[in-house]
């Protein structure tokens, strides 16, 4: 559908189906987009508050998949949905958001000459 791999739903059924390098790449890209939009604090608060319910949240993302396909790359959305089932991946995303946010702050301090 939309030029993507239509069989991705059959290939990726659990977080273990995505290699660790790919997981880091996907969650790192998501973290970068959140940091670029300066939404780190609300994102971390949201993820921390919903961490105990990560599986339920990922299932809600599965239910929203038909509507989201109209706007986003459905393969990337499905990969994030599957990854967020596992609390370890939610924690990794939070740590990645914090790390990238700190790097951005340090880079802006160096550029301002302080």
Protein backbone atom coordinates (compact mmCIF):
# COMPACT_ATOMS: atom_id res chain seq x y z
CA UNK A 1 0.00 0.00 0.00
CA UNK A 2 1.34 3.45 -0.96
CA UNK A 3 4.52 1.93 -2.37
CA UNK A 4 5.49 0.16 0.86
CA UNK A 5 5.92 -3.49 1.69
CA UNK A 6 2.34 -4.71 2.10
CA UNK A 7 3.40 -7.86 3.96
CA UNK A 8 5.16 -6.10 6.83
CA UNK A 9 2.28 -6.96 9.21
CA UNK A 10 3.01 -10.65 8.66
CA UNK A 11 6.74 -10.24 9.29
CA UNK A 12 6.79 -8.07 12.43
CA UNK A 13 4.61 -9.44 15.19
CA UNK A 14 6.61 -8.71 18.34
CA UNK A 15 9.47 -6.44 19.48
CA UNK A 16 11.86 -9.41 19.13
CA UNK A 17 11.20 -9.47 15.37
CA UNK A 18 13.03 -6.15 14.99
CA UNK A 19 16.85 -6.36 15.29
CA UNK A 20 18.44 -4.20 18.00
CA UNK A 21 20.26 -1.98 15.47
CA UNK A 22 16.98 -1.28 13.67
CA UNK A 23 15.23 -0.66 16.99
CA UNK A 24 17.86 1.90 17.97
CA UNK A 25 17.56 3.56 14.56
CA UNK A 26 13.75 3.77 14.70
CA UNK A 27 13.55 5.04 18.27
CA UNK A 28 16.49 7.39 17.69
CA UNK A 29 14.74 8.94 14.69
CA UNK A 30 11.54 9.33 16.71
CA UNK A 31 13.52 10.98 19.52
CA UNK A 32 15.22 13.33 17.05
CA UNK A 33 11.88 14.47 15.66
CA UNK A 34 10.52 15.12 19.16
CA UNK A 35 13.65 17.08 20.13
CA UNK A 36 13.56 19.09 16.89
CA UNK A 37 9.98 20.11 17.66
CA UNK A 38 10.98 21.01 21.25
CA UNK A 39 8.44 18.60 22.74
CA UNK A 40 10.84 16.69 24.98
CA UNK A 41 9.27 17.55 28.34
CA UNK A 42 5.66 16.72 27.36
CA UNK A 43 6.82 13.55 25.59
CA UNK A 44 8.79 12.33 28.62
CA UNK A 45 5.90 13.13 30.96
CA UNK A 46 3.51 11.26 28.66
CA UNK A 47 5.79 8.23 28.30
CA UNK A 48 6.58 8.05 32.03
CA UNK A 49 2.94 8.26 33.01
CA UNK A 50 1.89 5.60 30.54
CA UNK A 51 4.87 3.26 30.92
CA UNK A 52 2.91 0.78 33.09
CA UNK A 53 0.22 0.69 30.39
CA UNK A 54 2.58 0.45 27.41
CA UNK A 55 0.99 -2.72 26.05
CA UNK A 56 -2.51 -1.24 26.19
CA UNK A 57 -1.26 1.93 24.52
CA UNK A 58 0.35 -0.05 21.72
CA UNK A 59 -2.93 -1.91 21.20
CA UNK A 60 -4.72 1.43 20.87
CA UNK A 61 -2.16 2.32 18.20
CA UNK A 62 -3.07 -0.92 16.41
CA UNK A 63 -6.74 0.11 16.44
CA UNK A 64 -5.83 3.53 15.00
CA UNK A 65 -3.66 2.02 12.25
CA UNK A 66 -6.28 2.25 9.43
CA UNK A 67 -6.74 5.97 10.05
CA UNK A 68 -3.04 6.69 10.50
CA UNK A 69 -2.22 4.99 7.18
CA UNK A 70 -3.88 7.91 5.46
CA UNK A 71 -1.30 10.33 6.90
CA UNK A 72 1.91 8.43 7.69
CA UNK A 73 4.19 5.69 6.44
CA UNK A 74 2.34 2.65 7.71
CA UNK A 75 5.44 0.44 7.98
CA UNK A 76 7.24 2.91 10.27
CA UNK A 77 4.05 3.37 12.31
CA UNK A 78 3.68 -0.39 12.70
CA UNK A 79 7.31 -0.77 13.81
CA UNK A 80 6.89 1.93 16.48
CA UNK A 81 3.61 0.31 17.58
CA UNK A 82 5.29 -3.06 18.04
CA UNK A 83 8.34 -1.57 19.78
CA UNK A 84 6.25 0.36 22.30
CA UNK A 85 4.66 -2.89 23.51
CA UNK A 86 7.82 -3.54 25.52
CA UNK A 87 8.50 -1.31 28.54
CA UNK A 88 12.25 -1.62 27.94
CA UNK A 89 11.81 0.13 24.60
CA UNK A 90 9.71 2.86 26.21
CA UNK A 91 12.52 3.40 28.73
CA UNK A 92 15.09 3.41 25.91
CA UNK A 93 13.07 6.09 24.10
CA UNK A 94 12.91 8.23 27.25
CA UNK A 95 16.68 7.94 27.74
CA UNK A 96 17.27 8.77 24.08
CA UNK A 97 15.05 11.85 24.37
CA UNK A 98 16.99 13.01 27.44
CA UNK A 99 20.36 12.35 25.81
CA UNK A 100 19.51 14.18 22.59
CA UNK A 101 17.96 17.06 24.50
CA UNK A 102 21.11 17.45 26.61
CA UNK A 103 23.29 17.32 23.49
CA UNK A 104 21.19 20.06 21.91
CA UNK A 105 21.50 22.26 25.00
CA UNK A 106 25.27 21.78 25.15
CA UNK A 107 25.59 22.57 21.44
CA UNK A 108 23.59 25.78 21.79
CA UNK A 109 25.73 26.87 24.78
CA UNK A 110 28.91 26.31 22.75
CA UNK A 111 27.51 28.27 19.81
CA UNK A 112 26.52 31.23 22.03
CA UNK A 113 30.06 31.43 23.45
CA UNK A 114 29.22 30.83 27.14
